[in-house]
Amino acid sequence: MPKVKGGAISSNDTKHFISQSYLKNSQRDDAVGDYLLDRELSSDRAAVYFNPITQKTLVCNRGTAPTLQDWSNNLALARGQYNDTARMKHALDTQNAAIEKYGSVDTNVGHSQSQAIASNLNRRGLTGEIITVNGATMPWDTQASNETRIRSKGDVVSAVQSFLPRSRNLTIDAATMNPLTEHSASILDRVPSFTVFGKGFVRTYFY
């Protein structure tokens, strides 16, 4: 069993991780904050980062891309068959490779479909914590104590979460009537930049 540590991630960095996950591996920035991108372990579907200062490792799996395969993965999620998808198997391979290289994965960040990936990895004991934004939530979904979920009130994909409230989560007021905007990670622009997510809680520090 890998050692797990976890660690707080700022709202700005969370948004940056998610936006970078949707880019091709060759197009991503070399770093997000103090986290350096490991291009060797990363792919177009998952980005692996290591922080040389804190010695923490973070993996961000991409949400749904506009491809037939990824939409079929969403269908598998709705049917409760997501664990059997090639997408989940790829995420598992990436996670294990990161653990082998760095000793642990401390945080998994996900958006939309990749909440299912992060939750699965968490249930397997392969991560210290998970932070998700507008995650695709099923009626049978459960939430672990080391999981932080952020969503917009106007997001349809994560709407089930509104019936499964947790005090450690963050629900952000909708600012538009556009469902695509409300589903995107840009909702984090409405959160104070000094807000951090981690270990299942949302904290706002004032200095």
C-alpha atoms as a PDB file:
ATOM      1  CA  MET A   1       0.000   0.000   0.000  1.00  0.00           C
ATOM      2  CA  PRO A   2       1.514   3.372  -0.988  1.00  0.00           C
ATOM      3  CA  LYS A   3       1.924   6.076   1.616  1.00  0.00           C
ATOM      4  CA  VAL A   4      -0.611   8.894   1.282  1.00  0.00           C
ATOM      5  CA  LYS A   5      -0.205  12.447   2.491  1.00  0.00           C
ATOM      6  CA  GLY A   6      -2.546  14.794   0.659  1.00  0.00           C
ATOM      7  CA  GLY A   7      -2.173  18.542   0.596  1.00  0.00           C
ATOM      8  CA  ALA A   8      -4.083  21.786   0.088  1.00  0.00           C
ATOM      9  CA  ILE A   9      -4.492  23.163  -3.438  1.00  0.00           C
ATOM     10  CA  SER A  10      -5.484  26.767  -4.128  1.00  0.00           C
ATOM     11  CA  SER A  11      -8.573  27.587  -6.173  1.00  0.00           C
ATOM     12  CA  ASN A  12      -6.408  29.201  -8.857  1.00  0.00           C
ATOM     13  CA  ASP A  13      -4.154  26.157  -9.157  1.00  0.00           C
ATOM     14  CA  THR A  14      -7.163  23.830  -9.196  1.00  0.00           C
ATOM     15  CA  LYS A  15      -8.581  25.693 -12.180  1.00  0.00           C
ATOM     16  CA  HIS A  16      -5.165  25.672 -13.874  1.00  0.00           C
ATOM     17  CA  PHE A  17      -4.736  21.909 -13.385  1.00  0.00           C
ATOM     18  CA  ILE A  18      -8.146  21.259 -14.931  1.00  0.00           C
ATOM     19  CA  SER A  19      -7.660  23.586 -17.901  1.00  0.00           C
ATOM     20  CA  GLN A  20      -4.263  22.018 -18.598  1.00  0.00           C
ATOM     21  CA  SER A  21      -5.729  18.504 -18.502  1.00  0.00           C
ATOM     22  CA  TYR A  22      -7.798  19.272 -21.607  1.00  0.00           C
ATOM     23  CA  LEU A  23      -4.707  20.169 -23.643  1.00  0.00           C
ATOM     24  CA  LYS A  24      -2.508  17.710 -25.488  1.00  0.00           C
ATOM     25  CA  ASN A  25       0.456  16.668 -23.395  1.00  0.00           C
ATOM     26  CA  SER A  26       2.872  18.449 -25.732  1.00  0.00           C
ATOM     27  CA  GLN A  27       0.936  21.725 -25.370  1.00  0.00           C
ATOM     28  CA  ARG A  28       0.768  21.905 -21.587  1.00  0.00           C
ATOM     29  CA  ASP A  29       2.664  24.386 -19.441  1.00  0.00           C
ATOM     30  CA  ASP A  30       5.782  23.041 -17.781  1.00  0.00           C
ATOM     31  CA  ALA A  31       4.392  23.844 -14.349  1.00  0.00           C
ATOM     32  CA  VAL A  32       1.296  24.755 -12.346  1.00  0.00           C
ATOM     33  CA  GLY A  33       2.425  26.761  -9.354  1.00  0.00           C
ATOM     34  CA  ASP A  34       5.271  24.779  -7.792  1.00  0.00           C
ATOM     35  CA  TYR A  35       4.117  21.534  -9.434  1.00  0.00           C
ATOM     36  CA  LEU A  36       6.249  20.433 -12.396  1.00  0.00           C
ATOM     37  CA  LEU A  37       4.655  18.490 -15.234  1.00  0.00           C
ATOM     38  CA  ASP A  38       6.076  15.010 -15.771  1.00  0.00           C
ATOM     39  CA  ARG A  39       5.573  14.677 -19.525  1.00  0.00           C
ATOM     40  CA  GLU A  40       7.008  11.170 -19.542  1.00  0.00           C
ATOM     41  CA  LEU A  41       4.246   9.804 -17.314  1.00  0.00           C
ATOM     42  CA  SER A  42       1.536  12.124 -18.638  1.00  0.00           C
ATOM     43  CA  SER A  43      -0.687  11.590 -21.655  1.00  0.00           C
ATOM     44  CA  ASP A  44      -3.400  13.532 -23.443  1.00  0.00           C
ATOM     45  CA  ARG A  45      -5.871  12.000 -20.967  1.00  0.00           C
ATOM     46  CA  ALA A  46      -3.973  12.482 -17.708  1.00  0.00           C
ATOM     47  CA  ALA A  47      -1.391  14.951 -16.398  1.00  0.00           C
ATOM     48  CA  VAL A  48       1.104  13.927 -13.699  1.00  0.00           C
ATOM     49  CA  TYR A  49       2.800  16.595 -11.570  1.00  0.00           C
ATOM     50  CA  PHE A  50       5.491  16.549  -8.886  1.00  0.00           C
ATOM     51  CA  ASN A  51       6.248  19.353  -6.434  1.00  0.00           C
ATOM     52  CA  PRO A  52       9.983  19.274  -5.603  1.00  0.00           C
ATOM     53  CA  ILE A  53       9.481  21.632  -2.653  1.00  0.00           C
ATOM     54  CA  THR A  54       6.785  19.685  -0.815  1.00  0.00           C
ATOM     55  CA  GLN A  55       7.644  16.304  -2.400  1.00  0.00           C
ATOM     56  CA  LYS A  56       3.976  15.825  -3.275  1.00  0.00           C
ATOM     57  CA  THR A  57       2.572  14.231  -6.407  1.00  0.00           C
ATOM     58  CA  LEU A  58      -0.676  15.216  -8.106  1.00  0.00           C
ATOM     59  CA  VAL A  59      -2.552  13.634 -11.008  1.00  0.00           C
ATOM     60  CA  CYS A  60      -5.304  15.395 -12.946  1.00  0.00           C
ATOM     61  CA  ASN A  61      -7.377  13.257 -15.297  1.00  0.00           C
ATOM     62  CA  ARG A  62      -9.171  15.030 -18.127  1.00  0.00           C
ATOM     63  CA  GLY A  63     -12.941  15.207 -18.194  1.00  0.00           C
ATOM     64  CA  THR A  64     -15.011  14.474 -21.297  1.00  0.00           C
ATOM     65  CA  ALA A  65     -13.403  15.261 -24.644  1.00  0.00           C
ATOM     66  CA  PRO A  66     -15.607  15.732 -27.749  1.00  0.00           C
ATOM     67  CA  THR A  67     -14.967  12.222 -29.037  1.00  0.00           C
ATOM     68  CA  LEU A  68     -17.263   9.261 -29.596  1.00  0.00           C
ATOM     69  CA  GLN A  69     -15.176   7.139 -27.242  1.00  0.00           C
ATOM     70  CA  ASP A  70     -15.430   9.610 -24.373  1.00  0.00           C
ATOM     71  CA  TRP A  71     -19.184   9.978 -24.811  1.00  0.00           C
ATOM     72  CA  SER A  72     -19.461   6.195 -24.743  1.00  0.00           C
ATOM     73  CA  ASN A  73     -17.578   6.356 -21.429  1.00  0.00           C
ATOM     74  CA  ASN A  74     -20.274   8.696 -20.105  1.00  0.00           C
ATOM     75  CA  LEU A  75     -22.869   6.137 -21.129  1.00  0.00           C
ATOM     76  CA  ALA A  76     -20.921   3.446 -19.292  1.00  0.00           C
ATOM     77  CA  LEU A  77     -20.872   5.703 -16.217  1.00  0.00           C
ATOM     78  CA  ALA A  78     -24.659   6.089 -16.344  1.00  0.00           C
ATOM     79  CA  ARG A  79     -24.969   2.303 -16.558  1.00  0.00           C
ATOM     80  CA  GLY A  80     -22.638   1.710 -13.619  1.00  0.00           C
ATOM     81  CA  GLN A  81     -20.029   0.089 -15.898  1.00  0.00           C
ATOM     82  CA  TYR A  82     -17.323   2.743 -15.819  1.00  0.00           C
ATOM     83  CA  ASN A  83     -14.725   0.537 -14.130  1.00  0.00           C
ATOM     84  CA  ASP A  84     -14.644  -1.633 -17.262  1.00  0.00           C
ATOM     85  CA  THR A  85     -13.798   1.200 -19.651  1.00  0.00           C
ATOM     86  CA  ALA A  86     -10.422   1.698 -21.323  1.00  0.00           C
ATOM     87  CA  ARG A  87     -10.449   5.220 -19.877  1.00  0.00           C
ATOM     88  CA  MET A  88     -10.521   3.901 -16.313  1.00  0.00           C
ATOM     89  CA  LYS A  89      -7.863   1.307 -17.058  1.00  0.00           C
ATOM     90  CA  HIS A  90      -5.608   3.980 -18.536  1.00  0.00           C
ATOM     91  CA  ALA A  91      -6.089   6.165 -15.446  1.00  0.00           C
ATOM     92  CA  LEU A  92      -5.232   3.213 -13.217  1.00  0.00           C
ATOM     93  CA  ASP A  93      -2.051   2.503 -15.204  1.00  0.00           C
ATOM     94  CA  THR A  94      -1.030   6.166 -14.975  1.00  0.00           C
ATOM     95  CA  GLN A  95      -1.708   6.262 -11.231  1.00  0.00           C
ATOM     96  CA  ASN A  96       0.349   3.149 -10.582  1.00  0.00           C
ATOM     97  CA  ALA A  97       3.209   4.478 -12.716  1.00  0.00           C
ATOM     98  CA  ALA A  98       3.233   7.712 -10.693  1.00  0.00           C
ATOM     99  CA  ILE A  99       3.227   5.759  -7.436  1.00  0.00           C
ATOM    100  CA  GLU A 100       6.086   3.590  -8.645  1.00  0.00           C
ATOM    101  CA  LYS A 101       8.169   6.649  -9.582  1.00  0.00           C
ATOM    102  CA  TYR A 102       7.343   9.008  -6.717  1.00  0.00           C
ATOM    103  CA  GLY A 103       6.233   6.657  -3.927  1.00  0.00           C
ATOM    104  CA  SER A 104       2.668   7.988  -3.733  1.00  0.00           C
ATOM    105  CA  VAL A 105       0.008  10.120  -5.355  1.00  0.00           C
ATOM    106  CA  ASP A 106      -1.083  12.639  -2.777  1.00  0.00           C
ATOM    107  CA  THR A 107      -3.897  14.354  -4.674  1.00  0.00           C
ATOM    108  CA  ASN A 108      -6.134  13.626  -7.631  1.00  0.00           C
ATOM    109  CA  VAL A 109      -7.950  16.516  -9.287  1.00  0.00           C
ATOM    110  CA  GLY A 110     -10.853  15.900 -11.640  1.00  0.00           C
ATOM    111  CA  HIS A 111     -13.584  17.637 -13.601  1.00  0.00           C
ATOM    112  CA  SER A 112     -16.872  16.265 -14.906  1.00  0.00           C
ATOM    113  CA  GLN A 113     -16.430  12.628 -15.993  1.00  0.00           C
ATOM    114  CA  SER A 114     -13.089  12.330 -14.219  1.00  0.00           C
ATOM    115  CA  GLN A 115     -14.803  12.531 -10.816  1.00  0.00           C
ATOM    116  CA  ALA A 116     -15.631   8.868 -11.443  1.00  0.00           C
ATOM    117  CA  ILE A 117     -11.949   8.171 -12.063  1.00  0.00           C
ATOM    118  CA  ALA A 118     -10.795   9.996  -8.940  1.00  0.00           C
ATOM    119  CA  SER A 119     -13.402   8.284  -6.758  1.00  0.00           C
ATOM    120  CA  ASN A 120     -12.420   4.870  -8.098  1.00  0.00           C
ATOM    121  CA  LEU A 121      -8.734   5.475  -7.422  1.00  0.00           C
ATOM    122  CA  ASN A 122      -9.617   6.691  -3.947  1.00  0.00           C
ATOM    123  CA  ARG A 123     -11.617   3.558  -3.164  1.00  0.00           C
ATOM    124  CA  ARG A 124      -8.598   1.511  -4.180  1.00  0.00           C
ATOM    125  CA  GLY A 125      -6.415   3.401  -1.691  1.00  0.00           C
ATOM    126  CA  LEU A 126      -4.235   4.828  -4.442  1.00  0.00           C
ATOM    127  CA  THR A 127      -4.489   8.522  -3.514  1.00  0.00           C
ATOM    128  CA  GLY A 128      -4.342  10.716  -0.447  1.00  0.00           C
ATOM    129  CA  GLU A 129      -7.340  12.825  -1.393  1.00  0.00           C
ATOM    130  CA  ILE A 130      -9.462  13.930  -4.310  1.00  0.00           C
ATOM    131  CA  ILE A 131     -10.699  17.355  -5.371  1.00  0.00           C
ATOM    132  CA  THR A 132     -13.340  17.549  -8.089  1.00  0.00           C
ATOM    133  CA  VAL A 133     -15.211  20.318  -9.870  1.00  0.00           C
ATOM    134  CA  ASN A 134     -18.688  19.842 -11.365  1.00  0.00           C
ATOM    135  CA  GLY A 135     -18.277  16.095 -11.196  1.00  0.00           C
ATOM    136  CA  ALA A 136     -20.662  13.766 -12.993  1.00  0.00           C
ATOM    137  CA  THR A 137     -22.653  12.451 -10.031  1.00  0.00           C
ATOM    138  CA  MET A 138     -24.903   9.388 -10.116  1.00  0.00           C
ATOM    139  CA  PRO A 139     -27.844   8.768  -7.735  1.00  0.00           C
ATOM    140  CA  TRP A 140     -25.985   5.837  -6.135  1.00  0.00           C
ATOM    141  CA  ASP A 141     -22.849   7.908  -5.612  1.00  0.00           C
ATOM    142  CA  THR A 142     -21.057   8.042  -2.252  1.00  0.00           C
ATOM    143  CA  GLN A 143     -18.482  10.510  -1.024  1.00  0.00           C
ATOM    144  CA  ALA A 144     -15.397   9.706   1.042  1.00  0.00           C
ATOM    145  CA  SER A 145     -14.171  11.836   3.942  1.00  0.00           C
ATOM    146  CA  ASN A 146     -11.015  12.836   2.029  1.00  0.00           C
ATOM    147  CA  GLU A 147     -12.991  14.104  -0.950  1.00  0.00           C
ATOM    148  CA  THR A 148     -13.803  17.745  -1.697  1.00  0.00           C
ATOM    149  CA  ARG A 149     -16.446  18.548  -4.303  1.00  0.00           C
ATOM    150  CA  ILE A 150     -17.002  21.974  -5.829  1.00  0.00           C
ATOM    151  CA  ARG A 151     -19.961  22.673  -8.097  1.00  0.00           C
ATOM    152  CA  SER A 152     -22.055  25.463  -9.565  1.00  0.00           C
ATOM    153  CA  LYS A 153     -25.737  25.679  -8.683  1.00  0.00           C
ATOM    154  CA  GLY A 154     -26.334  25.999 -12.419  1.00  0.00           C
ATOM    155  CA  ASP A 155     -24.479  22.842 -13.382  1.00  0.00           C
ATOM    156  CA  VAL A 156     -26.708  20.031 -14.638  1.00  0.00           C
ATOM    157  CA  VAL A 157     -24.031  17.307 -14.704  1.00  0.00           C
ATOM    158  CA  SER A 158     -23.432  17.500 -10.948  1.00  0.00           C
ATOM    159  CA  ALA A 159     -27.056  18.281 -10.029  1.00  0.00           C
ATOM    160  CA  VAL A 160     -27.501  15.061  -8.027  1.00  0.00           C
ATOM    161  CA  GLN A 161     -24.866  16.365  -5.631  1.00  0.00           C
ATOM    162  CA  SER A 162     -27.319  19.012  -4.440  1.00  0.00           C
ATOM    163  CA  PHE A 163     -29.352  16.203  -2.860  1.00  0.00           C
ATOM    164  CA  LEU A 164     -26.249  14.782  -1.178  1.00  0.00           C
ATOM    165  CA  PRO A 165     -25.000  17.854   0.692  1.00  0.00           C
ATOM    166  CA  ARG A 166     -21.790  17.728   2.671  1.00  0.00           C
ATOM    167  CA  SER A 167     -20.577  20.577   4.849  1.00  0.00           C
ATOM    168  CA  ARG A 168     -17.053  20.139   3.507  1.00  0.00           C
ATOM    169  CA  ASN A 169     -18.164  20.842  -0.087  1.00  0.00           C
ATOM    170  CA  LEU A 170     -18.551  24.153  -1.884  1.00  0.00           C
ATOM    171  CA  THR A 171     -21.562  25.148  -3.985  1.00  0.00           C
ATOM    172  CA  ILE A 172     -21.023  28.299  -6.033  1.00  0.00           C
ATOM    173  CA  ASP A 173     -23.901  30.527  -7.119  1.00  0.00           C
ATOM    174  CA  ALA A 174     -24.634  30.459 -10.839  1.00  0.00           C
ATOM    175  CA  ALA A 175     -23.656  33.638 -12.672  1.00  0.00           C
ATOM    176  CA  THR A 176     -25.102  32.823 -16.085  1.00  0.00           C
ATOM    177  CA  MET A 177     -27.875  30.859 -17.774  1.00  0.00           C
ATOM    178  CA  ASN A 178     -25.316  29.134 -19.990  1.00  0.00           C
ATOM    179  CA  PRO A 179     -25.020  25.437 -19.025  1.00  0.00           C
ATOM    180  CA  LEU A 180     -21.589  25.111 -20.653  1.00  0.00           C
ATOM    181  CA  THR A 181     -20.220  28.042 -18.661  1.00  0.00           C
ATOM    182  CA  GLU A 182     -21.702  26.740 -15.433  1.00  0.00           C
ATOM    183  CA  HIS A 183     -20.181  23.309 -16.083  1.00  0.00           C
ATOM    184  CA  SER A 184     -16.696  24.619 -16.828  1.00  0.00           C
ATOM    185  CA  ALA A 185     -13.881  25.059 -14.317  1.00  0.00           C
ATOM    186  CA  SER A 186     -14.169  28.825 -14.841  1.00  0.00           C
ATOM    187  CA  ILE A 187     -16.675  28.847 -11.975  1.00  0.00           C
ATOM    188  CA  LEU A 188     -13.595  28.886  -9.726  1.00  0.00           C
ATOM    189  CA  ASP A 189     -13.053  32.508 -10.810  1.00  0.00           C
ATOM    190  CA  ARG A 190     -15.962  33.293  -8.479  1.00  0.00           C
ATOM    191  CA  VAL A 191     -14.062  31.922  -5.478  1.00  0.00           C
ATOM    192  CA  PRO A 192     -11.551  34.105  -3.591  1.00  0.00           C
ATOM    193  CA  SER A 193      -8.034  33.338  -4.810  1.00  0.00           C
ATOM    194  CA  PHE A 194      -6.927  32.660  -1.221  1.00  0.00           C
ATOM    195  CA  THR A 195      -9.346  29.732  -0.907  1.00  0.00           C
ATOM    196  CA  VAL A 196      -7.729  26.302  -0.700  1.00  0.00           C
ATOM    197  CA  PHE A 197      -9.159  22.820  -1.117  1.00  0.00           C
ATOM    198  CA  GLY A 198      -7.791  19.737   0.566  1.00  0.00           C
ATOM    199  CA  LYS A 199      -8.431  16.764   2.822  1.00  0.00           C
ATOM    200  CA  GLY A 200     -12.138  16.962   2.186  1.00  0.00           C
ATOM    201  CA  PHE A 201     -12.563  20.581   3.233  1.00  0.00           C
ATOM    202  CA  VAL A 202     -12.755  24.076   1.782  1.00  0.00           C
ATOM    203  CA  ARG A 203     -10.820  26.725   3.660  1.00  0.00           C
ATOM    204  CA  THR A 204     -10.656  30.472   3.075  1.00  0.00           C
ATOM    205  CA  TYR A 205      -7.755  32.239   4.750  1.00  0.00           C
ATOM    206  CA  PHE A 206      -7.774  35.962   5.383  1.00  0.00           C
ATOM    207  CA  TYR A 207      -4.517  37.796   6.061  1.00  0.00           C
END
